[in-house]
Amino acid sequence: MNQGSKNKTKLKVVKLDDKRPLGDDEQINLVTKKMYDLFDDIQDKVTIPNTIIAVQLLVTDLAFDTAPSNTVASSMLLDIINHRLKIEVEEEYKDEG
């Protein structure tokens, strides 16, 4: 799979004391909105499975290229998957009850 490494932007390692003008929730909402805008722009050219694969490759590279360590990168990626699984389990439990 070609990950587009020739177009890869050099990013800085994340610093724990990094201050941005937006709070965490606002930053996450902004990125989410921009991603949905991108999905809207490419939906006629790229299938959803290929979009998901491309985003997973990009997010994984981004995490490992910018985290202070591979352990932190792995933890960030696994934490969000576990968060989603917890929501799914809670929904299933609520539906059964």
C-alpha atoms as a PDB file:
ATOM      1  CA  MET A   1       0.000   0.000   0.000  1.00  0.00           C
ATOM      2  CA  ASN A   2       1.275   3.414  -0.889  1.00  0.00           C
ATOM      3  CA  GLN A   3       0.989   5.703   2.107  1.00  0.00           C
ATOM      4  CA  GLY A   4       2.028   8.811   0.222  1.00  0.00           C
ATOM      5  CA  SER A   5       5.310   9.130   2.097  1.00  0.00           C
ATOM      6  CA  LYS A   6       6.650  11.563  -0.512  1.00  0.00           C
ATOM      7  CA  ASN A   7       3.970  14.056   0.544  1.00  0.00           C
ATOM      8  CA  LYS A   8       4.482  13.459   4.251  1.00  0.00           C
ATOM      9  CA  THR A   9       4.692  16.649   6.291  1.00  0.00           C
ATOM     10  CA  LYS A  10       7.386  16.831   8.962  1.00  0.00           C
ATOM     11  CA  LEU A  11       5.602  17.323  12.278  1.00  0.00           C
ATOM     12  CA  LYS A  12       6.945  18.203  15.701  1.00  0.00           C
ATOM     13  CA  VAL A  13       6.894  15.840  18.664  1.00  0.00           C
ATOM     14  CA  VAL A  14       3.988  16.743  20.939  1.00  0.00           C
ATOM     15  CA  LYS A  15       5.004  18.579  24.103  1.00  0.00           C
ATOM     16  CA  LEU A  16       2.867  18.118  27.212  1.00  0.00           C
ATOM     17  CA  ASP A  17       2.950  21.865  27.966  1.00  0.00           C
ATOM     18  CA  ASP A  18       1.864  22.858  24.431  1.00  0.00           C
ATOM     19  CA  LYS A  19      -0.691  25.653  24.569  1.00  0.00           C
ATOM     20  CA  ARG A  20      -3.096  26.295  21.692  1.00  0.00           C
ATOM     21  CA  PRO A  21      -5.761  29.016  21.409  1.00  0.00           C
ATOM     22  CA  LEU A  22      -8.515  26.370  21.408  1.00  0.00           C
ATOM     23  CA  GLY A  23      -9.264  23.972  24.241  1.00  0.00           C
ATOM     24  CA  ASP A  24      -9.075  20.203  23.744  1.00  0.00           C
ATOM     25  CA  ASP A  25     -12.787  19.762  22.967  1.00  0.00           C
ATOM     26  CA  GLU A  26     -12.733  22.665  20.516  1.00  0.00           C
ATOM     27  CA  GLN A  27      -9.645  21.275  18.772  1.00  0.00           C
ATOM     28  CA  ILE A  28     -11.222  17.818  18.493  1.00  0.00           C
ATOM     29  CA  ASN A  29     -14.462  19.295  17.158  1.00  0.00           C
ATOM     30  CA  LEU A  30     -12.558  21.380  14.585  1.00  0.00           C
ATOM     31  CA  VAL A  31     -10.563  18.379  13.327  1.00  0.00           C
ATOM     32  CA  THR A  32     -13.732  16.259  13.202  1.00  0.00           C
ATOM     33  CA  LYS A  33     -15.557  18.936  11.187  1.00  0.00           C
ATOM     34  CA  LYS A  34     -12.643  19.254   8.741  1.00  0.00           C
ATOM     35  CA  MET A  35     -12.474  15.470   8.334  1.00  0.00           C
ATOM     36  CA  TYR A  36     -16.192  15.294   7.547  1.00  0.00           C
ATOM     37  CA  ASP A  37     -15.713  18.124   5.026  1.00  0.00           C
ATOM     38  CA  LEU A  38     -12.941  16.086   3.401  1.00  0.00           C
ATOM     39  CA  PHE A  39     -15.106  12.937   3.355  1.00  0.00           C
ATOM     40  CA  ASP A  40     -17.868  14.948   1.716  1.00  0.00           C
ATOM     41  CA  ASP A  41     -15.435  16.188  -0.962  1.00  0.00           C
ATOM     42  CA  ILE A  42     -14.069  12.725  -1.845  1.00  0.00           C
ATOM     43  CA  GLN A  43     -17.122  10.477  -1.395  1.00  0.00           C
ATOM     44  CA  ASP A  44     -17.741  10.243  -5.159  1.00  0.00           C
ATOM     45  CA  LYS A  45     -14.149   9.133  -5.810  1.00  0.00           C
ATOM     46  CA  VAL A  46     -13.164   6.987  -2.834  1.00  0.00           C
ATOM     47  CA  THR A  47     -15.077   4.128  -1.222  1.00  0.00           C
ATOM     48  CA  ILE A  48     -15.755   4.210   2.511  1.00  0.00           C
ATOM     49  CA  PRO A  49     -13.507   1.168   3.189  1.00  0.00           C
ATOM     50  CA  ASN A  50     -10.596   2.810   1.329  1.00  0.00           C
ATOM     51  CA  THR A  51     -11.249   6.088   3.127  1.00  0.00           C
ATOM     52  CA  ILE A  52     -11.140   4.270   6.462  1.00  0.00           C
ATOM     53  CA  ILE A  53      -7.896   2.484   5.528  1.00  0.00           C
ATOM     54  CA  ALA A  54      -6.279   5.756   4.425  1.00  0.00           C
ATOM     55  CA  VAL A  55      -7.359   7.543   7.599  1.00  0.00           C
ATOM     56  CA  GLN A  56      -6.132   4.657   9.772  1.00  0.00           C
ATOM     57  CA  LEU A  57      -2.748   4.720   8.042  1.00  0.00           C
ATOM     58  CA  LEU A  58      -2.508   8.484   8.411  1.00  0.00           C
ATOM     59  CA  VAL A  59      -3.594   8.518  12.069  1.00  0.00           C
ATOM     60  CA  THR A  60      -1.216   5.688  12.952  1.00  0.00           C
ATOM     61  CA  ASP A  61       1.703   7.428  11.235  1.00  0.00           C
ATOM     62  CA  LEU A  62       0.750  10.721  12.870  1.00  0.00           C
ATOM     63  CA  ALA A  63       0.603   9.143  16.327  1.00  0.00           C
ATOM     64  CA  PHE A  64       3.929   7.338  16.004  1.00  0.00           C
ATOM     65  CA  ASP A  65       5.700  10.249  14.287  1.00  0.00           C
ATOM     66  CA  THR A  66       4.675  12.851  16.876  1.00  0.00           C
ATOM     67  CA  ALA A  67       4.270  11.039  20.197  1.00  0.00           C
ATOM     68  CA  PRO A  68       7.147  11.194  22.667  1.00  0.00           C
ATOM     69  CA  SER A  69       7.454   7.395  22.467  1.00  0.00           C
ATOM     70  CA  ASN A  70       5.981   4.380  20.696  1.00  0.00           C
ATOM     71  CA  THR A  71       4.326   3.397  23.958  1.00  0.00           C
ATOM     72  CA  VAL A  72       2.486   6.729  24.145  1.00  0.00           C
ATOM     73  CA  ALA A  73       1.454   6.405  20.478  1.00  0.00           C
ATOM     74  CA  SER A  74       0.142   2.884  21.040  1.00  0.00           C
ATOM     75  CA  SER A  75      -1.693   3.966  24.166  1.00  0.00           C
ATOM     76  CA  MET A  76      -3.415   6.876  22.382  1.00  0.00           C
ATOM     77  CA  LEU A  77      -4.590   4.640  19.550  1.00  0.00           C
ATOM     78  CA  LEU A  78      -5.774   1.820  21.816  1.00  0.00           C
ATOM     79  CA  ASP A  79      -7.457   4.157  24.312  1.00  0.00           C
ATOM     80  CA  ILE A  80      -9.843   5.554  21.714  1.00  0.00           C
ATOM     81  CA  ILE A  81     -10.696   2.055  20.454  1.00  0.00           C
ATOM     82  CA  ASN A  82     -11.392   0.954  24.050  1.00  0.00           C
ATOM     83  CA  HIS A  83     -13.523   4.064  24.592  1.00  0.00           C
ATOM     84  CA  ARG A  84     -15.689   3.140  21.587  1.00  0.00           C
ATOM     85  CA  LEU A  85     -15.937  -0.511  22.674  1.00  0.00           C
ATOM     86  CA  LYS A  86     -17.074   0.605  26.138  1.00  0.00           C
ATOM     87  CA  ILE A  87     -19.856   2.683  24.560  1.00  0.00           C
ATOM     88  CA  GLU A  88     -20.928  -0.278  22.408  1.00  0.00           C
ATOM     89  CA  VAL A  89     -21.026  -2.620  25.419  1.00  0.00           C
ATOM     90  CA  GLU A  90     -23.043  -0.081  27.436  1.00  0.00           C
ATOM     91  CA  GLU A  91     -25.531   0.272  24.551  1.00  0.00           C
ATOM     92  CA  GLU A  92     -25.902  -3.511  24.259  1.00  0.00           C
ATOM     93  CA  TYR A  93     -26.399  -3.820  28.015  1.00  0.00           C
ATOM     94  CA  LYS A  94     -29.020  -1.044  27.982  1.00  0.00           C
ATOM     95  CA  ASP A  95     -30.871  -2.701  25.082  1.00  0.00           C
ATOM     96  CA  GLU A  96     -30.976  -6.046  26.923  1.00  0.00           C
ATOM     97  CA  GLY A  97     -32.178  -4.516  30.204  1.00  0.00           C
END
